[in-house]
Amino acid sequence: MCGICGVVAAERERGPDREAVARMSGRLVHRGPDDEGLFCEGLAALAARRLSIIDLAHGHQPIENEDRSAVVVQNGEIYNYRELKRELEGKGHRFATDCDTEVLVHLWEEEGERFVERLRGMFAIALWDKRRRRL
C-alpha cells in the first residue's frame, strides 16, 4: 500500500514549506519504498510514496495532465482504469503512462468533481486543480 500526504496553504503570499512536506513523505517510506515524488507550486504541495503494482517503470507520482493544470497523487488501485483510459483516449486525451493514477487527471477534466462516481476500486486521492486553486 502506498502513502500520500500534502498541504494547501491558507495564505496566498506564503506557500507550503517544501521541506516540511518532504519530511512528511519520508515518514511514509514504510508504505511506499519503491518510489517517491513531490509537487510543490503556489498554494499546494502533494507527495507520494509508491509501492509499485501497476506500470512499474512509469507510474511515478505526482502525475499532471497535458496542460499541467491538474496534479494528482493516489493510494490504491482503480480497477476499471483501462476502460476509462480507452474512453478518454477516444475524446482526445493523451497519456504518458499505463498507470491507473494518470486516468484521474483526465477524468477530472471531463467530469469535474463527479469523476469519482466513475471509479471502481479501493483508493485515496488528492487532486489539486491549479486554475481553481481547489483540492
Protein backbone atom coordinates (compact mmCIF):
# COMPACT_ATOMS: atom_id res chain seq x y z
CA MET A 1 0.00 0.00 0.00
CA CYS A 2 1.34 3.43 -0.96
CA GLY A 3 1.23 6.62 1.06
CA ILE A 4 0.17 10.17 0.15
CA CYS A 5 0.33 13.46 2.00
CA GLY A 6 0.19 17.17 1.31
CA VAL A 7 -0.57 20.70 2.38
CA VAL A 8 -2.65 23.53 0.93
CA ALA A 9 -1.60 26.93 2.25
CA ALA A 10 -4.23 29.31 3.55
CA GLU A 11 -2.20 32.41 2.68
CA ARG A 12 -1.54 33.36 -0.90
CA GLU A 13 1.77 35.09 -0.13
CA ARG A 14 3.25 32.09 1.60
CA GLY A 15 3.00 28.68 0.03
CA PRO A 16 3.67 25.34 1.69
CA ASP A 17 7.04 24.51 3.19
CA ARG A 18 8.55 22.09 0.66
CA GLU A 19 10.96 20.63 3.21
CA ALA A 20 8.17 20.00 5.73
CA VAL A 21 6.18 18.09 3.11
CA ALA A 22 9.31 16.14 2.15
CA ARG A 23 9.71 15.16 5.82
CA MET A 24 6.04 14.11 5.96
CA SER A 25 6.62 11.94 2.92
CA GLY A 26 9.76 10.48 4.48
CA ARG A 27 7.69 9.28 7.43
CA LEU A 28 5.65 7.19 4.96
CA VAL A 29 8.61 5.29 3.48
CA HIS A 30 7.38 2.02 5.01
CA ARG A 31 4.20 2.36 2.92
CA GLY A 32 5.99 3.02 -0.35
CA PRO A 33 9.64 2.04 -0.58
CA ASP A 34 9.82 1.82 -4.41
CA ASP A 35 9.49 5.48 -5.40
CA GLU A 36 8.82 8.95 -4.08
CA GLY A 37 7.66 12.18 -5.65
CA LEU A 38 6.85 15.71 -4.57
CA PHE A 39 4.90 18.53 -6.23
CA CYS A 40 5.17 22.00 -4.67
CA GLU A 41 3.82 25.02 -6.52
CA GLY A 42 1.80 28.03 -5.46
CA LEU A 43 -0.57 27.16 -2.63
CA ALA A 44 -0.26 23.37 -2.80
CA ALA A 45 2.22 20.62 -2.10
CA LEU A 46 1.45 16.94 -2.70
CA ALA A 47 3.75 13.99 -2.08
CA ALA A 48 3.55 10.29 -2.79
CA ARG A 49 5.43 7.20 -1.65
CA ARG A 50 4.89 4.32 -4.05
CA LEU A 51 4.71 0.59 -3.69
CA SER A 52 4.80 -0.32 -7.40
CA ILE A 53 1.92 -2.51 -8.57
CA ILE A 54 0.83 -1.17 -11.98
CA ASP A 55 3.20 0.22 -14.67
CA LEU A 56 6.26 -0.40 -12.54
CA ALA A 57 8.61 1.66 -14.70
CA HIS A 58 6.43 4.70 -15.47
CA GLY A 59 3.98 5.16 -12.60
CA HIS A 60 5.90 7.94 -10.84
CA GLN A 61 3.66 10.29 -8.86
CA PRO A 62 2.55 13.07 -8.64
CA ILE A 63 1.08 12.99 -12.17
CA GLU A 64 -0.09 16.05 -14.12
CA ASN A 65 -2.41 16.35 -17.11
CA GLU A 66 -1.24 17.54 -20.55
CA ASP A 67 -1.51 21.26 -19.83
CA ARG A 68 -0.29 20.88 -16.24
CA SER A 69 -3.47 22.44 -14.83
CA ALA A 70 -4.19 19.48 -12.52
CA VAL A 71 -1.94 17.27 -10.44
CA VAL A 72 -2.84 14.09 -8.55
CA VAL A 73 -1.48 11.59 -6.05
CA GLN A 74 -3.25 8.33 -5.34
CA ASN A 75 -3.02 5.43 -2.96
CA GLY A 76 -4.79 2.27 -4.03
CA GLU A 77 -5.96 0.75 -7.28
CA ILE A 78 -8.54 1.80 -9.88
CA TYR A 79 -9.92 -1.48 -11.21
CA ASN A 80 -11.65 -0.02 -14.27
CA TYR A 81 -8.84 2.30 -15.35
CA ARG A 82 -8.22 0.55 -18.69
CA GLU A 83 -11.86 1.04 -19.73
CA LEU A 84 -11.77 4.68 -18.61
CA LYS A 85 -8.47 5.25 -20.39
CA ARG A 86 -9.86 3.95 -23.71
CA GLU A 87 -12.88 6.23 -23.33
CA LEU A 88 -10.69 9.24 -22.56
CA GLU A 89 -8.33 8.50 -25.45
CA GLY A 90 -11.40 8.46 -27.70
CA LYS A 91 -12.09 12.01 -26.52
CA GLY A 92 -8.57 13.13 -27.45
CA HIS A 93 -6.71 12.78 -24.17
CA ARG A 94 -3.07 11.73 -24.47
CA PHE A 95 -1.44 9.52 -21.87
CA ALA A 96 2.24 9.29 -20.97
CA THR A 97 1.88 6.11 -18.86
CA ASP A 98 -0.23 3.00 -18.46
CA CYS A 99 -0.70 3.84 -14.79
CA ASP A 100 -4.16 3.94 -13.22
CA THR A 101 -3.31 7.23 -11.49
CA GLU A 102 -2.93 9.15 -14.75
CA VAL A 103 -6.54 8.37 -15.68
CA LEU A 104 -7.64 10.50 -12.72
CA VAL A 105 -6.43 13.89 -14.00
CA HIS A 106 -8.00 13.31 -17.42
CA LEU A 107 -11.28 12.09 -15.95
CA TRP A 108 -11.27 15.20 -13.72
CA GLU A 109 -11.05 17.37 -16.84
CA GLU A 110 -14.10 15.65 -18.32
CA GLU A 111 -16.29 15.13 -15.25
CA GLY A 112 -15.17 17.62 -12.61
CA GLU A 113 -15.93 16.63 -9.02
CA ARG A 114 -18.22 13.85 -10.20
CA PHE A 115 -15.25 11.93 -11.63
CA VAL A 116 -15.12 9.76 -8.51
CA GLU A 117 -18.55 8.33 -9.34
CA ARG A 118 -16.97 6.62 -12.37
CA LEU A 119 -14.21 4.89 -10.40
CA ARG A 120 -14.25 1.28 -9.24
CA GLY A 121 -11.60 0.21 -6.78
CA MET A 122 -10.01 0.96 -3.45
CA PHE A 123 -8.29 4.32 -3.29
CA ALA A 124 -7.48 7.59 -1.59
CA ILE A 125 -6.95 10.54 -3.92
CA ALA A 126 -5.65 14.10 -3.59
CA LEU A 127 -6.12 16.16 -6.76
CA TRP A 128 -5.08 19.81 -6.96
CA ASP A 129 -6.76 21.95 -9.62
CA LYS A 130 -4.30 24.80 -10.22
CA ARG A 131 -6.74 27.02 -12.11
CA ARG A 132 -9.47 26.85 -9.49
CA ARG A 133 -6.97 26.63 -6.61
CA ARG A 134 -9.00 23.80 -5.21
CA LEU A 135 -8.16 20.44 -3.67
